[in-house]
């Protein structure tokens, strides 16, 4: 295929696309419009706590529990959905684990059993 033939073929394709676009009413934003709508619906989660804060409170919880590592491990597993706190990277889960650890510390201070 020569260069001239390739140009003619591409020109025909562009003309066909233009005709199809004009026939559909000139609306070419169907796919981009959907992507924009989806982006607007799924706003980015704004974390309240950092991973370091979560790790610090879990360490503090272990101390409050008398060195019992099972107390924070249970929160990591049940709330964070992970085996190790280092595996928790989702900001929403970090916040949930932090909040659960904070709640458990309050229960331990009050002498409750909790989780």
PDB file of N, CA and C in Angstrom:
ATOM      1  N   UNK A   1       0.856  -1.164   0.000  1.00  0.00           N
ATOM      2  CA  UNK A   1       0.000   0.000   0.000  1.00  0.00           C
ATOM      3  C   UNK A   1       0.907   1.234   0.000  1.00  0.00           C
ATOM      4  N   UNK A   2       0.617   2.119  -0.932  1.00  0.00           N
ATOM      5  CA  UNK A   2       1.422   3.329  -1.020  1.00  0.00           C
ATOM      6  C   UNK A   2       0.948   4.364  -0.002  1.00  0.00           C
ATOM      7  N   UNK A   3       1.716   5.384   0.160  1.00  0.00           N
ATOM      8  CA  UNK A   3       1.383   6.451   1.093  1.00  0.00           C
ATOM      9  C   UNK A   3       0.093   7.139   0.667  1.00  0.00           C
ATOM     10  N   UNK A   4      -0.066   7.352  -0.637  1.00  0.00           N
ATOM     11  CA  UNK A   4      -1.287   8.002  -1.142  1.00  0.00           C
ATOM     12  C   UNK A   4      -2.524   7.156  -0.870  1.00  0.00           C
ATOM     13  N   UNK A   5      -2.408   5.849  -1.028  1.00  0.00           N
ATOM     14  CA  UNK A   5      -3.532   4.960  -0.754  1.00  0.00           C
ATOM     15  C   UNK A   5      -3.894   4.975   0.730  1.00  0.00           C
ATOM     16  N   UNK A   6      -2.878   4.993   1.591  1.00  0.00           N
ATOM     17  CA  UNK A   6      -3.127   5.030   3.024  1.00  0.00           C
ATOM     18  C   UNK A   6      -3.827   6.321   3.419  1.00  0.00           C
ATOM     19  N   UNK A   7      -3.393   7.435   2.839  1.00  0.00           N
ATOM     20  CA  UNK A   7      -4.019   8.731   3.125  1.00  0.00           C
ATOM     21  C   UNK A   7      -5.473   8.725   2.656  1.00  0.00           C
ATOM     22  N   UNK A   8      -5.728   8.182   1.469  1.00  0.00           N
ATOM     23  CA  UNK A   8      -7.099   8.110   0.957  1.00  0.00           C
ATOM     24  C   UNK A   8      -7.982   7.249   1.856  1.00  0.00           C
ATOM     25  N   UNK A   9      -7.433   6.158   2.346  1.00  0.00           N
ATOM     26  CA  UNK A   9      -8.187   5.257   3.226  1.00  0.00           C
ATOM     27  C   UNK A   9      -8.516   5.959   4.555  1.00  0.00           C
ATOM     28  N   UNK A  10      -7.537   6.656   5.125  1.00  0.00           N
ATOM     29  CA  UNK A  10      -7.767   7.375   6.368  1.00  0.00           C
ATOM     30  C   UNK A  10      -8.748   8.533   6.177  1.00  0.00           C
ATOM     31  N   UNK A  11      -8.649   9.216   5.046  1.00  0.00           N
ATOM     32  CA  UNK A  11      -9.576  10.313   4.750  1.00  0.00           C
ATOM     33  C   UNK A  11     -11.005   9.793   4.642  1.00  0.00           C
ATOM     34  N   UNK A  12     -11.168   8.647   3.997  1.00  0.00           N
ATOM     35  CA  UNK A  12     -12.496   8.038   3.878  1.00  0.00           C
ATOM     36  C   UNK A  12     -13.047   7.663   5.250  1.00  0.00           C
ATOM     37  N   UNK A  13     -12.181   7.170   6.139  1.00  0.00           N
ATOM     38  CA  UNK A  13     -12.611   6.797   7.482  1.00  0.00           C
ATOM     39  C   UNK A  13     -13.038   8.030   8.269  1.00  0.00           C
ATOM     40  N   UNK A  14     -12.291   9.119   8.157  1.00  0.00           N
ATOM     41  CA  UNK A  14     -12.640  10.362   8.851  1.00  0.00           C
ATOM     42  C   UNK A  14     -13.973  10.892   8.328  1.00  0.00           C
ATOM     43  N   UNK A  15     -14.152  10.853   7.015  1.00  0.00           N
ATOM     44  CA  UNK A  15     -15.412  11.325   6.432  1.00  0.00           C
ATOM     45  C   UNK A  15     -16.596  10.472   6.889  1.00  0.00           C
ATOM     46  N   UNK A  16     -16.398   9.164   6.980  1.00  0.00           N
ATOM     47  CA  UNK A  16     -17.458   8.269   7.452  1.00  0.00           C
ATOM     48  C   UNK A  16     -17.798   8.564   8.913  1.00  0.00           C
ATOM     49  N   UNK A  17     -16.789   8.794   9.723  1.00  0.00           N
ATOM     50  CA  UNK A  17     -17.029   9.129  11.133  1.00  0.00           C
ATOM     51  C   UNK A  17     -17.746  10.467  11.267  1.00  0.00           C
ATOM     52  N   UNK A  18     -17.355  11.427  10.446  1.00  0.00           N
ATOM     53  CA  UNK A  18     -18.000  12.742  10.484  1.00  0.00           C
ATOM     54  C   UNK A  18     -19.466  12.620  10.091  1.00  0.00           C
ATOM     55  N   UNK A  19     -19.744  11.843   9.063  1.00  0.00           N
ATOM     56  CA  UNK A  19     -21.124  11.648   8.622  1.00  0.00           C
ATOM     57  C   UNK A  19     -21.945  10.966   9.709  1.00  0.00           C
ATOM     58  N   UNK A  20     -21.377   9.971  10.362  1.00  0.00           N
ATOM     59  CA  UNK A  20     -22.085   9.271  11.438  1.00  0.00           C
ATOM     60  C   UNK A  20     -22.337  10.209  12.612  1.00  0.00           C
ATOM     61  N   UNK A  21     -21.386  11.062  12.901  1.00  0.00           N
ATOM     62  CA  UNK A  21     -21.533  12.025  13.977  1.00  0.00           C
ATOM     63  C   UNK A  21     -22.646  13.022  13.669  1.00  0.00           C
ATOM     64  N   UNK A  22     -22.646  13.532  12.463  1.00  0.00           N
ATOM     65  CA  UNK A  22     -23.687  14.488  12.075  1.00  0.00           C
ATOM     66  C   UNK A  22     -25.067  13.829  12.065  1.00  0.00           C
ATOM     67  N   UNK A  23     -25.117  12.582  11.666  1.00  0.00           N
ATOM     68  CA  UNK A  23     -26.383  11.849  11.629  1.00  0.00           C
ATOM     69  C   UNK A  23     -26.944  11.632  13.034  1.00  0.00           C
ATOM     70  N   UNK A  24     -26.057  11.469  14.044  1.00  0.00           N
ATOM     71  CA  UNK A  24     -26.516  11.239  15.401  1.00  0.00           C
ATOM     72  C   UNK A  24     -26.843  12.538  16.129  1.00  0.00           C
ATOM     73  N   UNK A  25     -26.800  13.640  15.420  1.00  0.00           N
ATOM     74  CA  UNK A  25     -27.151  14.918  16.035  1.00  0.00           C
ATOM     75  C   UNK A  25     -25.951  15.675  16.554  1.00  0.00           C
ATOM     76  N   UNK A  26     -24.766  15.239  16.237  1.00  0.00           N
ATOM     77  CA  UNK A  26     -23.563  15.953  16.620  1.00  0.00           C
ATOM     78  C   UNK A  26     -23.135  15.738  18.054  1.00  0.00           C
ATOM     79  N   UNK A  27     -23.692  14.749  18.711  1.00  0.00           N
ATOM     80  CA  UNK A  27     -23.354  14.512  20.113  1.00  0.00           C
ATOM     81  C   UNK A  27     -22.259  13.461  20.212  1.00  0.00           C
ATOM     82  N   UNK A  28     -21.042  13.902  20.453  1.00  0.00           N
ATOM     83  CA  UNK A  28     -19.911  12.981  20.557  1.00  0.00           C
ATOM     84  C   UNK A  28     -19.497  12.747  22.001  1.00  0.00           C
ATOM     85  N   UNK A  29     -20.208  13.335  22.948  1.00  0.00           N
ATOM     86  CA  UNK A  29     -19.769  13.269  24.346  1.00  0.00           C
ATOM     87  C   UNK A  29     -20.392  12.123  25.130  1.00  0.00           C
ATOM     88  N   UNK A  30     -20.907  11.101  24.470  1.00  0.00           N
ATOM     89  CA  UNK A  30     -21.560  10.022  25.212  1.00  0.00           C
ATOM     90  C   UNK A  30     -20.596   9.277  26.118  1.00  0.00           C
ATOM     91  N   UNK A  31     -19.419   8.914  25.639  1.00  0.00           N
ATOM     92  CA  UNK A  31     -18.503   8.164  26.495  1.00  0.00           C
ATOM     93  C   UNK A  31     -17.806   9.069  27.501  1.00  0.00           C
ATOM     94  N   UNK A  32     -17.433  10.275  27.116  1.00  0.00           N
ATOM     95  CA  UNK A  32     -16.761  11.162  28.056  1.00  0.00           C
ATOM     96  C   UNK A  32     -17.729  11.673  29.109  1.00  0.00           C
ATOM     97  N   UNK A  33     -18.971  11.858  28.759  1.00  0.00           N
ATOM     98  CA  UNK A  33     -19.962  12.319  29.727  1.00  0.00           C
ATOM     99  C   UNK A  33     -20.166  11.300  30.835  1.00  0.00           C
ATOM    100  N   UNK A  34     -20.178  10.030  30.486  1.00  0.00           N
ATOM    101  CA  UNK A  34     -20.342   8.983  31.487  1.00  0.00           C
ATOM    102  C   UNK A  34     -19.146   8.928  32.426  1.00  0.00           C
ATOM    103  N   UNK A  35     -17.964   9.107  31.894  1.00  0.00           N
ATOM    104  CA  UNK A  35     -16.762   9.073  32.726  1.00  0.00           C
ATOM    105  C   UNK A  35     -16.763  10.235  33.705  1.00  0.00           C
ATOM    106  N   UNK A  36     -17.163  11.407  33.245  1.00  0.00           N
ATOM    107  CA  UNK A  36     -17.206  12.566  34.129  1.00  0.00           C
ATOM    108  C   UNK A  36     -18.233  12.367  35.234  1.00  0.00           C
ATOM    109  N   UNK A  37     -19.396  11.814  34.899  1.00  0.00           N
ATOM    110  CA  UNK A  37     -20.437  11.578  35.890  1.00  0.00           C
ATOM    111  C   UNK A  37     -19.949  10.589  36.936  1.00  0.00           C
ATOM    112  N   UNK A  38     -19.273   9.539  36.499  1.00  0.00           N
ATOM    113  CA  UNK A  38     -18.772   8.535  37.429  1.00  0.00           C
ATOM    114  C   UNK A  38     -17.743   9.151  38.378  1.00  0.00           C
ATOM    115  N   UNK A  39     -16.866  10.026  37.858  1.00  0.00           N
ATOM    116  CA  UNK A  39     -15.868  10.668  38.703  1.00  0.00           C
ATOM    117  C   UNK A  39     -16.522  11.550  39.751  1.00  0.00           C
ATOM    118  N   UNK A  40     -17.578  12.237  39.391  1.00  0.00           N
ATOM    119  CA  UNK A  40     -18.261  13.115  40.329  1.00  0.00           C
ATOM    120  C   UNK A  40     -18.945  12.319  41.432  1.00  0.00           C
ATOM    121  N   UNK A  41     -19.489  11.158  41.089  1.00  0.00           N
ATOM    122  CA  UNK A  41     -20.197  10.335  42.074  1.00  0.00           C
ATOM    123  C   UNK A  41     -19.250   9.731  43.095  1.00  0.00           C
ATOM    124  N   UNK A  42     -18.077   9.300  42.649  1.00  0.00           N
ATOM    125  CA  UNK A  42     -17.135   8.656  43.556  1.00  0.00           C
ATOM    126  C   UNK A  42     -16.082   9.664  43.982  1.00  0.00           C
ATOM    127  N   UNK A  43     -16.439  10.494  44.950  1.00  0.00           N
ATOM    128  CA  UNK A  43     -15.484  11.455  45.472  1.00  0.00           C
ATOM    129  C   UNK A  43     -14.449  10.721  46.314  1.00  0.00           C
ATOM    130  N   UNK A  44     -13.252  11.245  46.310  1.00  0.00           N
ATOM    131  CA  UNK A  44     -12.154  10.613  47.041  1.00  0.00           C
ATOM    132  C   UNK A  44     -12.394  10.728  48.545  1.00  0.00           C
ATOM    133  N   UNK A  45     -12.161   9.624  49.245  1.00  0.00           N
ATOM    134  CA  UNK A  45     -12.332   9.586  50.694  1.00  0.00           C
ATOM    135  C   UNK A  45     -11.240  10.422  51.347  1.00  0.00           C
ATOM    136  N   UNK A  46     -11.618  11.280  52.238  1.00  0.00           N
ATOM    137  CA  UNK A  46     -10.674  12.133  52.970  1.00  0.00           C
ATOM    138  C   UNK A  46     -10.368  11.478  54.317  1.00  0.00           C
ATOM    139  N   UNK A  47      -9.152  11.017  54.480  1.00  0.00           N
ATOM    140  CA  UNK A  47      -8.747  10.319  55.708  1.00  0.00           C
ATOM    141  C   UNK A  47      -8.677  11.279  56.892  1.00  0.00           C
ATOM    142  N   UNK A  48      -9.104  10.776  58.046  1.00  0.00           N
ATOM    143  CA  UNK A  48      -9.028  11.553  59.278  1.00  0.00           C
ATOM    144  C   UNK A  48      -7.732  11.253  60.031  1.00  0.00           C
ATOM    145  N   UNK A  49      -7.200  10.054  59.817  1.00  0.00           N
ATOM    146  CA  UNK A  49      -6.009   9.610  60.537  1.00  0.00           C
ATOM    147  C   UNK A  49      -4.988   9.040  59.560  1.00  0.00           C
ATOM    148  N   UNK A  50      -3.719   9.154  59.912  1.00  0.00           N
ATOM    149  CA  UNK A  50      -2.656   8.582  59.084  1.00  0.00           C
ATOM    150  C   UNK A  50      -2.403   7.132  59.505  1.00  0.00           C
ATOM    151  N   UNK A  51      -1.665   6.441  58.672  1.00  0.00           N
ATOM    152  CA  UNK A  51      -1.307   5.062  58.996  1.00  0.00           C
ATOM    153  C   UNK A  51      -0.430   5.037  60.250  1.00  0.00           C
ATOM    154  N   UNK A  52       0.441   6.023  60.383  1.00  0.00           N
ATOM    155  CA  UNK A  52       1.301   6.098  61.575  1.00  0.00           C
ATOM    156  C   UNK A  52       0.472   6.280  62.849  1.00  0.00           C
ATOM    157  N   UNK A  53      -0.578   7.101  62.768  1.00  0.00           N
ATOM    158  CA  UNK A  53      -1.458   7.288  63.923  1.00  0.00           C
ATOM    159  C   UNK A  53      -2.159   5.984  64.288  1.00  0.00           C
ATOM    160  N   UNK A  54      -2.607   5.251  63.247  1.00  0.00           N
ATOM    161  CA  UNK A  54      -3.264   3.967  63.493  1.00  0.00           C
ATOM    162  C   UNK A  54      -2.292   3.001  64.173  1.00  0.00           C
ATOM    163  N   UNK A  55      -1.067   2.944  63.672  1.00  0.00           N
ATOM    164  CA  UNK A  55      -0.076   2.034  64.236  1.00  0.00           C
ATOM    165  C   UNK A  55       0.258   2.420  65.683  1.00  0.00           C
ATOM    166  N   UNK A  56       0.327   3.709  65.937  1.00  0.00           N
ATOM    167  CA  UNK A  56       0.644   4.180  67.290  1.00  0.00           C
ATOM    168  C   UNK A  56      -0.462   3.821  68.274  1.00  0.00           C
ATOM    169  N   UNK A  57      -1.717   4.002  67.875  1.00  0.00           N
ATOM    170  CA  UNK A  57      -2.806   3.701  68.809  1.00  0.00           C
ATOM    171  C   UNK A  57      -2.943   2.202  69.029  1.00  0.00           C
ATOM    172  N   UNK A  58      -2.638   1.400  68.014  1.00  0.00           N
ATOM    173  CA  UNK A  58      -2.678  -0.057  68.204  1.00  0.00           C
ATOM    174  C   UNK A  58      -1.579  -0.497  69.162  1.00  0.00           C
ATOM    175  N   UNK A  59      -0.423   0.130  69.064  1.00  0.00           N
ATOM    176  CA  UNK A  59       0.672  -0.168  69.987  1.00  0.00           C
ATOM    177  C   UNK A  59       0.305   0.244  71.412  1.00  0.00           C
ATOM    178  N   UNK A  60      -0.316   1.409  71.522  1.00  0.00           N
ATOM    179  CA  UNK A  60      -0.762   1.890  72.835  1.00  0.00           C
ATOM    180  C   UNK A  60      -1.844   0.971  73.410  1.00  0.00           C
ATOM    181  N   UNK A  61      -2.723   0.484  72.542  1.00  0.00           N
ATOM    182  CA  UNK A  61      -3.779  -0.439  72.969  1.00  0.00           C
ATOM    183  C   UNK A  61      -3.170  -1.722  73.527  1.00  0.00           C
ATOM    184  N   UNK A  62      -2.130  -2.219  72.857  1.00  0.00           N
ATOM    185  CA  UNK A  62      -1.458  -3.434  73.330  1.00  0.00           C
ATOM    186  C   UNK A  62      -0.917  -3.222  74.750  1.00  0.00           C
ATOM    187  N   UNK A  63      -0.327  -2.058  74.992  1.00  0.00           N
ATOM    188  CA  UNK A  63       0.186  -1.744  76.332  1.00  0.00           C
ATOM    189  C   UNK A  63      -0.949  -1.666  77.341  1.00  0.00           C
ATOM    190  N   UNK A  64      -2.062  -1.032  76.956  1.00  0.00           N
ATOM    191  CA  UNK A  64      -3.220  -0.899  77.852  1.00  0.00           C
ATOM    192  C   UNK A  64      -3.813  -2.263  78.189  1.00  0.00           C
ATOM    193  N   UNK A  65      -3.690  -3.199  77.239  1.00  0.00           N
ATOM    194  CA  UNK A  65      -4.243  -4.532  77.433  1.00  0.00           C
ATOM    195  C   UNK A  65      -3.255  -5.437  78.168  1.00  0.00           C
ATOM    196  N   UNK A  66      -2.256  -4.836  78.781  1.00  0.00           N
ATOM    197  CA  UNK A  66      -1.291  -5.620  79.546  1.00  0.00           C
ATOM    198  C   UNK A  66      -0.324  -6.391  78.674  1.00  0.00           C
ATOM    199  N   UNK A  67      -0.050  -5.887  77.492  1.00  0.00           N
ATOM    200  CA  UNK A  67       0.882  -6.553  76.587  1.00  0.00           C
ATOM    201  C   UNK A  67       0.248  -7.657  75.765  1.00  0.00           C
ATOM    202  N   UNK A  68      -1.080  -7.792  75.867  1.00  0.00           N
ATOM    203  CA  UNK A  68      -1.799  -8.824  75.127  1.00  0.00           C
ATOM    204  C   UNK A  68      -1.959  -8.395  73.669  1.00  0.00           C
ATOM    205  N   UNK A  69      -1.184  -9.001  72.776  1.00  0.00           N
ATOM    206  CA  UNK A  69      -1.214  -8.654  71.357  1.00  0.00           C
ATOM    207  C   UNK A  69      -2.506  -9.096  70.676  1.00  0.00           C
ATOM    208  N   UNK A  70      -3.233  -9.997  71.301  1.00  0.00           N
ATOM    209  CA  UNK A  70      -4.469 -10.494  70.689  1.00  0.00           C
ATOM    210  C   UNK A  70      -5.549  -9.413  70.600  1.00  0.00           C
ATOM    211  N   UNK A  71      -5.520  -8.459  71.523  1.00  0.00           N
ATOM    212  CA  UNK A  71      -6.531  -7.396  71.516  1.00  0.00           C
ATOM    213  C   UNK A  71      -6.410  -6.554  70.241  1.00  0.00           C
ATOM    214  N   UNK A  72      -5.238  -5.971  69.934  1.00  0.00           N
ATOM    215  CA  UNK A  72      -5.150  -5.221  68.677  1.00  0.00           C
ATOM    216  C   UNK A  72      -5.232  -6.106  67.435  1.00  0.00           C
ATOM    217  N   UNK A  73      -4.720  -7.338  67.525  1.00  0.00           N
ATOM    218  CA  UNK A  73      -4.796  -8.247  66.373  1.00  0.00           C
ATOM    219  C   UNK A  73      -6.243  -8.528  65.974  1.00  0.00           C
ATOM    220  N   UNK A  74      -7.106  -8.635  66.976  1.00  0.00           N
ATOM    221  CA  UNK A  74      -8.523  -8.889  66.703  1.00  0.00           C
ATOM    222  C   UNK A  74      -9.134  -7.712  65.942  1.00  0.00           C
ATOM    223  N   UNK A  75      -8.783  -6.494  66.332  1.00  0.00           N
ATOM    224  CA  UNK A  75      -9.287  -5.304  65.629  1.00  0.00           C
ATOM    225  C   UNK A  75      -8.736  -5.254  64.206  1.00  0.00           C
ATOM    226  N   UNK A  76      -7.440  -5.540  64.073  1.00  0.00           N
ATOM    227  CA  UNK A  76      -6.812  -5.532  62.749  1.00  0.00           C
ATOM    228  C   UNK A  76      -7.526  -6.510  61.823  1.00  0.00           C
ATOM    229  N   UNK A  77      -7.830  -7.688  62.341  1.00  0.00           N
ATOM    230  CA  UNK A  77      -8.475  -8.737  61.539  1.00  0.00           C
ATOM    231  C   UNK A  77      -9.935  -8.402  61.239  1.00  0.00           C
ATOM    232  N   UNK A  78     -10.701  -8.065  62.277  1.00  0.00           N
ATOM    233  CA  UNK A  78     -12.139  -7.873  62.113  1.00  0.00           C
ATOM    234  C   UNK A  78     -12.503  -6.543  61.446  1.00  0.00           C
ATOM    235  N   UNK A  79     -11.824  -5.479  61.823  1.00  0.00           N
ATOM    236  CA  UNK A  79     -12.171  -4.157  61.292  1.00  0.00           C
ATOM    237  C   UNK A  79     -11.348  -3.831  60.044  1.00  0.00           C
ATOM    238  N   UNK A  80     -10.049  -4.133  60.105  1.00  0.00           N
ATOM    239  CA  UNK A  80      -9.172  -3.807  58.983  1.00  0.00           C
ATOM    240  C   UNK A  80      -9.160  -4.845  57.886  1.00  0.00           C
ATOM    241  N   UNK A  81      -9.620  -6.059  58.193  1.00  0.00           N
ATOM    242  CA  UNK A  81      -9.656  -7.114  57.182  1.00  0.00           C
ATOM    243  C   UNK A  81      -8.271  -7.580  56.759  1.00  0.00           C
ATOM    244  N   UNK A  82      -7.301  -7.496  57.675  1.00  0.00           N
ATOM    245  CA  UNK A  82      -5.929  -7.887  57.349  1.00  0.00           C
ATOM    246  C   UNK A  82      -5.341  -8.700  58.499  1.00  0.00           C
ATOM    247  N   UNK A  83      -4.240  -9.380  58.212  1.00  0.00           N
ATOM    248  CA  UNK A  83      -3.551 -10.160  59.243  1.00  0.00           C
ATOM    249  C   UNK A  83      -2.540  -9.316  60.005  1.00  0.00           C
ATOM    250  N   UNK A  84      -1.982  -8.295  59.323  1.00  0.00           N
ATOM    251  CA  UNK A  84      -0.982  -7.429  59.947  1.00  0.00           C
ATOM    252  C   UNK A  84      -1.392  -5.977  59.732  1.00  0.00           C
ATOM    253  N   UNK A  85      -1.053  -5.122  60.697  1.00  0.00           N
ATOM    254  CA  UNK A  85      -1.426  -3.714  60.549  1.00  0.00           C
ATOM    255  C   UNK A  85      -0.700  -3.072  59.367  1.00  0.00           C
ATOM    256  N   UNK A  86       0.450  -3.576  58.998  1.00  0.00           N
ATOM    257  CA  UNK A  86       1.192  -3.037  57.857  1.00  0.00           C
ATOM    258  C   UNK A  86       0.453  -3.266  56.539  1.00  0.00           C
ATOM    259  N   UNK A  87      -0.454  -4.240  56.521  1.00  0.00           N
ATOM    260  CA  UNK A  87      -1.214  -4.548  55.303  1.00  0.00           C
ATOM    261  C   UNK A  87      -2.425  -3.649  55.110  1.00  0.00           C
ATOM    262  N   UNK A  88      -2.737  -2.822  56.073  1.00  0.00           N
ATOM    263  CA  UNK A  88      -3.904  -1.931  55.973  1.00  0.00           C
ATOM    264  C   UNK A  88      -3.453  -0.627  55.322  1.00  0.00           C
ATOM    265  N   UNK A  89      -3.929  -0.385  54.099  1.00  0.00           N
ATOM    266  CA  UNK A  89      -3.521   0.797  53.347  1.00  0.00           C
ATOM    267  C   UNK A  89      -4.685   1.683  52.924  1.00  0.00           C
ATOM    268  N   UNK A  90      -5.891   1.158  52.956  1.00  0.00           N
ATOM    269  CA  UNK A  90      -7.066   1.920  52.554  1.00  0.00           C
ATOM    270  C   UNK A  90      -7.371   2.977  53.626  1.00  0.00           C
ATOM    271  N   UNK A  91      -7.444   4.265  53.246  1.00  0.00           N
ATOM    272  CA  UNK A  91      -7.687   5.320  54.235  1.00  0.00           C
ATOM    273  C   UNK A  91      -8.955   5.106  55.073  1.00  0.00           C
ATOM    274  N   UNK A  92     -10.009   4.593  54.465  1.00  0.00           N
ATOM    275  CA  UNK A  92     -11.251   4.354  55.210  1.00  0.00           C
ATOM    276  C   UNK A  92     -11.043   3.269  56.264  1.00  0.00           C
ATOM    277  N   UNK A  93     -10.294   2.226  55.921  1.00  0.00           N
ATOM    278  CA  UNK A  93     -10.027   1.153  56.880  1.00  0.00           C
ATOM    279  C   UNK A  93      -9.080   1.617  57.980  1.00  0.00           C
ATOM    280  N   UNK A  94      -8.120   2.468  57.610  1.00  0.00           N
ATOM    281  CA  UNK A  94      -7.208   3.022  58.621  1.00  0.00           C
ATOM    282  C   UNK A  94      -8.016   3.791  59.654  1.00  0.00           C
ATOM    283  N   UNK A  95      -8.951   4.617  59.184  1.00  0.00           N
ATOM    284  CA  UNK A  95      -9.789   5.379  60.102  1.00  0.00           C
ATOM    285  C   UNK A  95     -10.666   4.465  60.953  1.00  0.00           C
ATOM    286  N   UNK A  96     -11.214   3.416  60.332  1.00  0.00           N
ATOM    287  CA  UNK A  96     -12.081   2.489  61.070  1.00  0.00           C
ATOM    288  C   UNK A  96     -11.299   1.750  62.150  1.00  0.00           C
ATOM    289  N   UNK A  97     -10.093   1.310  61.824  1.00  0.00           N
ATOM    290  CA  UNK A  97      -9.253   0.606  62.795  1.00  0.00           C
ATOM    291  C   UNK A  97      -8.866   1.559  63.918  1.00  0.00           C
ATOM    292  N   UNK A  98      -8.502   2.788  63.563  1.00  0.00           N
ATOM    293  CA  UNK A  98      -8.135   3.782  64.574  1.00  0.00           C
ATOM    294  C   UNK A  98      -9.304   4.005  65.533  1.00  0.00           C
ATOM    295  N   UNK A  99     -10.493   4.212  64.971  1.00  0.00           N
ATOM    296  CA  UNK A  99     -11.673   4.455  65.803  1.00  0.00           C
ATOM    297  C   UNK A  99     -11.998   3.255  66.696  1.00  0.00           C
ATOM    298  N   UNK A 100     -11.879   2.039  66.145  1.00  0.00           N
ATOM    299  CA  UNK A 100     -12.157   0.836  66.937  1.00  0.00           C
ATOM    300  C   UNK A 100     -11.135   0.676  68.065  1.00  0.00           C
ATOM    301  N   UNK A 101      -9.880   0.981  67.777  1.00  0.00           N
ATOM    302  CA  UNK A 101      -8.844   0.884  68.806  1.00  0.00           C
ATOM    303  C   UNK A 101      -9.077   1.929  69.894  1.00  0.00           C
ATOM    304  N   UNK A 102      -9.465   3.119  69.498  1.00  0.00           N
ATOM    305  CA  UNK A 102      -9.753   4.192  70.460  1.00  0.00           C
ATOM    306  C   UNK A 102     -10.921   3.783  71.363  1.00  0.00           C
ATOM    307  N   UNK A 103     -11.942   3.199  70.751  1.00  0.00           N
ATOM    308  CA  UNK A 103     -13.114   2.747  71.517  1.00  0.00           C
ATOM    309  C   UNK A 103     -12.719   1.638  72.498  1.00  0.00           C
ATOM    310  N   UNK A 104     -11.908   0.706  72.017  1.00  0.00           N
ATOM    311  CA  UNK A 104     -11.482  -0.402  72.875  1.00  0.00           C
ATOM    312  C   UNK A 104     -10.631   0.109  74.041  1.00  0.00           C
ATOM    313  N   UNK A 105      -9.802   1.113  73.790  1.00  0.00           N
ATOM    314  CA  UNK A 105      -8.994   1.686  74.874  1.00  0.00           C
ATOM    315  C   UNK A 105      -9.887   2.318  75.923  1.00  0.00           C
ATOM    316  N   UNK A 106     -10.937   2.995  75.469  1.00  0.00           N
ATOM    317  CA  UNK A 106     -11.888   3.602  76.418  1.00  0.00           C
ATOM    318  C   UNK A 106     -12.559   2.537  77.258  1.00  0.00           C
ATOM    319  N   UNK A 107     -12.928   1.425  76.627  1.00  0.00           N
ATOM    320  CA  UNK A 107     -13.573   0.325  77.355  1.00  0.00           C
ATOM    321  C   UNK A 107     -12.621  -0.288  78.376  1.00  0.00           C
ATOM    322  N   UNK A 108     -11.353  -0.416  78.007  1.00  0.00           N
ATOM    323  CA  UNK A 108     -10.366  -0.971  78.938  1.00  0.00           C
ATOM    324  C   UNK A 108     -10.151  -0.037  80.121  1.00  0.00           C
ATOM    325  N   UNK A 109     -10.177   1.259  79.854  1.00  0.00           N
ATOM    326  CA  UNK A 109     -10.005   2.234  80.935  1.00  0.00           C
ATOM    327  C   UNK A 109     -11.175   2.204  81.902  1.00  0.00           C
ATOM    328  N   UNK A 110     -12.364   1.909  81.359  1.00  0.00           N
ATOM    329  CA  UNK A 110     -13.567   1.829  82.195  1.00  0.00           C
ATOM    330  C   UNK A 110     -13.701   0.466  82.847  1.00  0.00           C
ATOM    331  N   UNK A 111     -12.863  -0.461  82.464  1.00  0.00           N
ATOM    332  CA  UNK A 111     -12.905  -1.790  83.053  1.00  0.00           C
ATOM    333  C   UNK A 111     -13.852  -2.734  82.322  1.00  0.00           C
ATOM    334  N   UNK A 112     -14.305  -2.341  81.127  1.00  0.00           N
ATOM    335  CA  UNK A 112     -15.226  -3.180  80.341  1.00  0.00           C
ATOM    336  C   UNK A 112     -14.493  -4.238  79.568  1.00  0.00           C
ATOM    337  N   UNK A 113     -15.281  -5.137  78.973  1.00  0.00           N
ATOM    338  CA  UNK A 113     -14.702  -6.242  78.206  1.00  0.00           C
ATOM    339  C   UNK A 113     -14.636  -5.906  76.729  1.00  0.00           C
ATOM    340  N   UNK A 114     -15.684  -5.268  76.184  1.00  0.00           N
ATOM    341  CA  UNK A 114     -15.683  -4.817  74.789  1.00  0.00           C
ATOM    342  C   UNK A 114     -15.596  -5.897  73.761  1.00  0.00           C
ATOM    343  N   UNK A 115     -15.007  -5.540  72.616  1.00  0.00           N
ATOM    344  CA  UNK A 115     -14.867  -6.390  71.443  1.00  0.00           C
ATOM    345  C   UNK A 115     -14.700  -7.802  71.855  1.00  0.00           C
TER     346      UNK A 115
END
